């Protein structure tokens, strides 16, 4: 029984190159990177929207507090006359 050793040198000299599978693998890697970039960008947009929502609610509460204080001031002014 003889042990067969692989030939020396580049494997591409002895193995056939399948361009179709290489192209598919490259396209799959590109698609994975695009999905990762899209997911990252969507997370950033979600974070910005959450911050904006908090700011809007702070503004709404500020306006409501101002209106309530004006109403309370008007009631106190009317009660002291």
N, C-alpha and C. Protein backbone atom coordinates (compact mmCIF):
# COMPACT_ATOMS: atom_id res chain seq x y z
N UNK A 1 0.85 -1.17 0.00
CA UNK A 1 0.00 0.00 0.00
C UNK A 1 0.89 1.24 0.00
N UNK A 2 0.66 2.10 -0.97
CA UNK A 2 1.47 3.31 -1.07
C UNK A 2 0.65 4.50 -0.62
N UNK A 3 1.33 5.43 0.01
CA UNK A 3 0.68 6.65 0.46
C UNK A 3 0.81 7.68 -0.64
N UNK A 4 -0.32 8.22 -1.04
CA UNK A 4 -0.31 9.20 -2.11
C UNK A 4 -0.20 10.59 -1.51
N UNK A 5 0.80 11.31 -1.91
CA UNK A 5 0.98 12.67 -1.42
C UNK A 5 0.38 13.65 -2.41
N UNK A 6 -0.18 14.74 -1.86
CA UNK A 6 -0.71 15.74 -2.80
C UNK A 6 0.43 16.39 -3.57
N UNK A 7 0.15 16.77 -4.79
CA UNK A 7 1.21 17.42 -5.58
C UNK A 7 1.57 18.77 -4.96
N UNK A 8 2.78 19.14 -5.19
CA UNK A 8 3.24 20.41 -4.63
C UNK A 8 2.84 21.54 -5.57
N UNK A 9 2.68 22.72 -5.00
CA UNK A 9 2.32 23.87 -5.80
C UNK A 9 0.89 24.29 -5.50
N UNK A 10 0.37 25.11 -6.35
CA UNK A 10 -0.96 25.66 -6.15
C UNK A 10 -2.03 24.60 -6.40
N UNK A 11 -3.04 24.60 -5.56
CA UNK A 11 -4.13 23.66 -5.74
C UNK A 11 -4.95 24.00 -6.99
N UNK A 12 -4.85 25.25 -7.43
CA UNK A 12 -5.61 25.66 -8.60
C UNK A 12 -5.03 25.08 -9.89
N UNK A 13 -3.80 24.60 -9.84
CA UNK A 13 -3.23 23.97 -11.01
C UNK A 13 -3.81 22.58 -11.23
N UNK A 14 -4.29 21.96 -10.15
CA UNK A 14 -4.74 20.58 -10.24
C UNK A 14 -6.25 20.43 -10.07
N UNK A 15 -6.88 21.38 -9.40
CA UNK A 15 -8.32 21.31 -9.21
C UNK A 15 -9.00 22.24 -10.20
N UNK A 16 -10.15 21.82 -10.66
CA UNK A 16 -10.87 22.68 -11.60
C UNK A 16 -11.50 23.84 -10.82
N UNK A 17 -11.57 24.97 -11.46
CA UNK A 17 -12.12 26.18 -10.85
C UNK A 17 -13.55 26.35 -11.34
N UNK A 18 -14.48 26.43 -10.39
CA UNK A 18 -15.88 26.59 -10.74
C UNK A 18 -16.25 28.07 -10.57
N UNK A 19 -16.30 28.79 -11.67
CA UNK A 19 -16.55 30.22 -11.63
C UNK A 19 -17.96 30.53 -11.13
N UNK A 20 -18.90 29.67 -11.44
CA UNK A 20 -20.28 29.92 -11.03
C UNK A 20 -20.43 29.87 -9.52
N UNK A 21 -19.84 28.86 -8.88
CA UNK A 21 -19.96 28.78 -7.43
C UNK A 21 -19.17 29.90 -6.76
N UNK A 22 -18.03 30.28 -7.34
CA UNK A 22 -17.27 31.39 -6.77
C UNK A 22 -18.06 32.69 -6.86
N UNK A 23 -18.73 32.89 -7.97
CA UNK A 23 -19.54 34.09 -8.15
C UNK A 23 -20.72 34.09 -7.18
N UNK A 24 -21.34 32.93 -6.99
CA UNK A 24 -22.45 32.83 -6.03
C UNK A 24 -21.97 33.10 -4.61
N UNK A 25 -20.83 32.55 -4.24
CA UNK A 25 -20.29 32.80 -2.90
C UNK A 25 -19.98 34.28 -2.69
N UNK A 26 -19.41 34.91 -3.71
CA UNK A 26 -19.11 36.34 -3.60
C UNK A 26 -20.39 37.15 -3.47
N UNK A 27 -21.41 36.81 -4.25
CA UNK A 27 -22.69 37.52 -4.16
C UNK A 27 -23.34 37.33 -2.80
N UNK A 28 -23.21 36.11 -2.24
CA UNK A 28 -23.77 35.87 -0.92
C UNK A 28 -23.05 36.69 0.15
N UNK A 29 -21.73 36.79 0.04
CA UNK A 29 -20.98 37.61 1.00
C UNK A 29 -21.36 39.08 0.88
N UNK A 30 -21.52 39.55 -0.35
CA UNK A 30 -21.93 40.95 -0.56
C UNK A 30 -23.32 41.18 0.02
N UNK A 31 -24.22 40.23 -0.20
CA UNK A 31 -25.59 40.37 0.32
C UNK A 31 -25.57 40.38 1.85
N UNK A 32 -24.75 39.53 2.46
CA UNK A 32 -24.65 39.52 3.93
C UNK A 32 -24.13 40.85 4.45
N UNK A 33 -23.13 41.41 3.80
CA UNK A 33 -22.60 42.70 4.22
C UNK A 33 -23.63 43.81 4.05
N UNK A 34 -24.38 43.75 2.97
CA UNK A 34 -25.43 44.76 2.77
C UNK A 34 -26.50 44.66 3.84
N UNK A 35 -26.91 43.43 4.19
CA UNK A 35 -27.91 43.27 5.25
C UNK A 35 -27.38 43.77 6.58
N UNK A 36 -26.11 43.49 6.85
CA UNK A 36 -25.51 43.96 8.11
C UNK A 36 -25.48 45.49 8.14
N UNK A 37 -25.12 46.11 7.02
CA UNK A 37 -25.10 47.57 6.95
C UNK A 37 -26.51 48.14 7.08
N UNK A 38 -27.47 47.49 6.46
CA UNK A 38 -28.86 47.95 6.55
C UNK A 38 -29.38 47.83 7.97
N UNK A 39 -29.06 46.73 8.63
CA UNK A 39 -29.48 46.53 10.02
C UNK A 39 -28.85 47.59 10.92
N UNK A 40 -27.57 47.88 10.71
CA UNK A 40 -26.88 48.91 11.50
C UNK A 40 -27.54 50.27 11.30
N UNK A 41 -27.83 50.61 10.05
CA UNK A 41 -28.43 51.91 9.75
C UNK A 41 -29.84 52.01 10.33
N UNK A 42 -30.60 50.92 10.26
CA UNK A 42 -31.95 50.94 10.83
C UNK A 42 -31.91 51.09 12.35
N UNK A 43 -30.92 50.51 12.99
CA UNK A 43 -30.78 50.69 14.43
C UNK A 43 -30.46 52.15 14.76
N UNK A 44 -29.61 52.78 13.95
CA UNK A 44 -29.33 54.20 14.15
C UNK A 44 -30.58 55.05 13.97
N UNK A 45 -31.37 54.77 12.95
CA UNK A 45 -32.59 55.53 12.70
C UNK A 45 -33.57 55.33 13.85
N UNK A 46 -33.67 54.10 14.35
CA UNK A 46 -34.56 53.82 15.48
C UNK A 46 -34.14 54.61 16.71
N UNK A 47 -32.84 54.69 16.97
CA UNK A 47 -32.34 55.46 18.11
C UNK A 47 -32.66 56.94 17.96
N UNK A 48 -32.47 57.47 16.77
CA UNK A 48 -32.78 58.89 16.52
C UNK A 48 -34.27 59.15 16.71
N UNK A 49 -35.12 58.24 16.23
CA UNK A 49 -36.57 58.42 16.39
C UNK A 49 -36.99 58.37 17.86
N UNK A 50 -36.34 57.51 18.63
CA UNK A 50 -36.66 57.45 20.06
C UNK A 50 -36.28 58.77 20.75
N UNK A 51 -35.12 59.31 20.40
CA UNK A 51 -34.71 60.60 20.98
C UNK A 51 -35.68 61.70 20.59
N UNK A 52 -36.08 61.71 19.32
CA UNK A 52 -37.02 62.73 18.84
C UNK A 52 -38.36 62.60 19.55
N UNK A 53 -38.82 61.38 19.76
CA UNK A 53 -40.07 61.17 20.45
C UNK A 53 -40.01 61.70 21.89
N UNK A 54 -38.88 61.46 22.56
CA UNK A 54 -38.72 61.98 23.92
C UNK A 54 -38.76 63.50 23.93
N UNK A 55 -38.08 64.11 22.96
CA UNK A 55 -38.08 65.58 22.90
C UNK A 55 -39.47 66.13 22.63
N UNK A 56 -40.21 65.46 21.76
CA UNK A 56 -41.58 65.92 21.46
C UNK A 56 -42.45 65.83 22.71
N UNK A 57 -42.35 64.72 23.45
CA UNK A 57 -43.16 64.58 24.66
C UNK A 57 -42.76 65.61 25.71
N UNK A 58 -41.48 65.92 25.81
CA UNK A 58 -41.05 66.97 26.76
C UNK A 58 -41.68 68.30 26.36
N UNK A 59 -41.72 68.58 25.05
CA UNK A 59 -42.36 69.80 24.58
C UNK A 59 -43.85 69.82 24.87
N UNK A 60 -44.51 68.71 24.66
CA UNK A 60 -45.95 68.62 24.93
C UNK A 60 -46.23 68.84 26.42
N UNK A 61 -45.43 68.17 27.27
CA UNK A 61 -45.61 68.35 28.71
C UNK A 61 -45.29 69.78 29.15
N UNK A 62 -44.31 70.40 28.50
CA UNK A 62 -43.98 71.80 28.82
C UNK A 62 -45.13 72.73 28.48
N UNK A 63 -45.75 72.55 27.31
CA UNK A 63 -46.88 73.39 26.91
C UNK A 63 -48.06 73.15 27.85
N UNK A 64 -48.30 71.89 28.19
CA UNK A 64 -49.41 71.58 29.11
C UNK A 64 -49.17 72.21 30.48
N UNK A 65 -47.93 72.15 30.97
CA UNK A 65 -47.62 72.75 32.26
C UNK A 65 -47.79 74.27 32.21
N UNK A 66 -47.38 74.88 31.09
CA UNK A 66 -47.54 76.33 30.96
C UNK A 66 -49.02 76.70 30.96
N UNK A 67 -49.84 75.96 30.22
CA UNK A 67 -51.28 76.27 30.17
C UNK A 67 -51.93 76.06 31.53
N UNK A 68 -51.54 75.01 32.23
CA UNK A 68 -52.11 74.78 33.56
C UNK A 68 -51.69 75.88 34.54
N UNK A 69 -50.44 76.33 34.43
CA UNK A 69 -50.01 77.40 35.35
C UNK A 69 -50.74 78.71 35.02
N UNK A 70 -50.98 78.99 33.75
CA UNK A 70 -51.73 80.19 33.38
C UNK A 70 -53.18 80.09 33.87
N UNK A 71 -53.76 78.91 33.76
CA UNK A 71 -55.12 78.73 34.23
C UNK A 71 -55.18 78.87 35.76
N UNK A 72 -54.20 78.30 36.46
CA UNK A 72 -54.17 78.43 37.92
C UNK A 72 -53.97 79.88 38.34
N UNK A 73 -53.14 80.60 37.60
CA UNK A 73 -52.90 82.01 37.90
C UNK A 73 -54.18 82.82 37.68
N UNK A 74 -54.91 82.51 36.62
CA UNK A 74 -56.16 83.23 36.34
C UNK A 74 -57.18 82.92 37.42
N UNK A 75 -57.25 81.68 37.89
CA UNK A 75 -58.20 81.32 38.94
C UNK A 75 -57.83 82.01 40.23
N UNK A 76 -56.56 82.06 40.58
CA UNK A 76 -56.12 82.73 41.83
C UNK A 76 -56.38 84.22 41.75
N UNK A 77 -56.14 84.84 40.57
CA UNK A 77 -56.38 86.26 40.41
C UNK A 77 -57.88 86.57 40.53
N UNK A 78 -58.73 85.70 40.00
CA UNK A 78 -60.17 85.91 40.07
C UNK A 78 -60.67 85.69 41.49
N UNK A 79 -60.05 84.77 42.23
CA UNK A 79 -60.49 84.47 43.58
C UNK A 79 -60.08 85.56 44.55
N UNK A 80 -59.02 86.27 44.31
CA UNK A 80 -58.54 87.30 45.23
C UNK A 80 -59.21 88.65 44.99
N UNK A 81 -59.96 88.83 43.96
CA UNK A 81 -60.63 90.10 43.70
C UNK A 81 -61.84 90.26 44.55
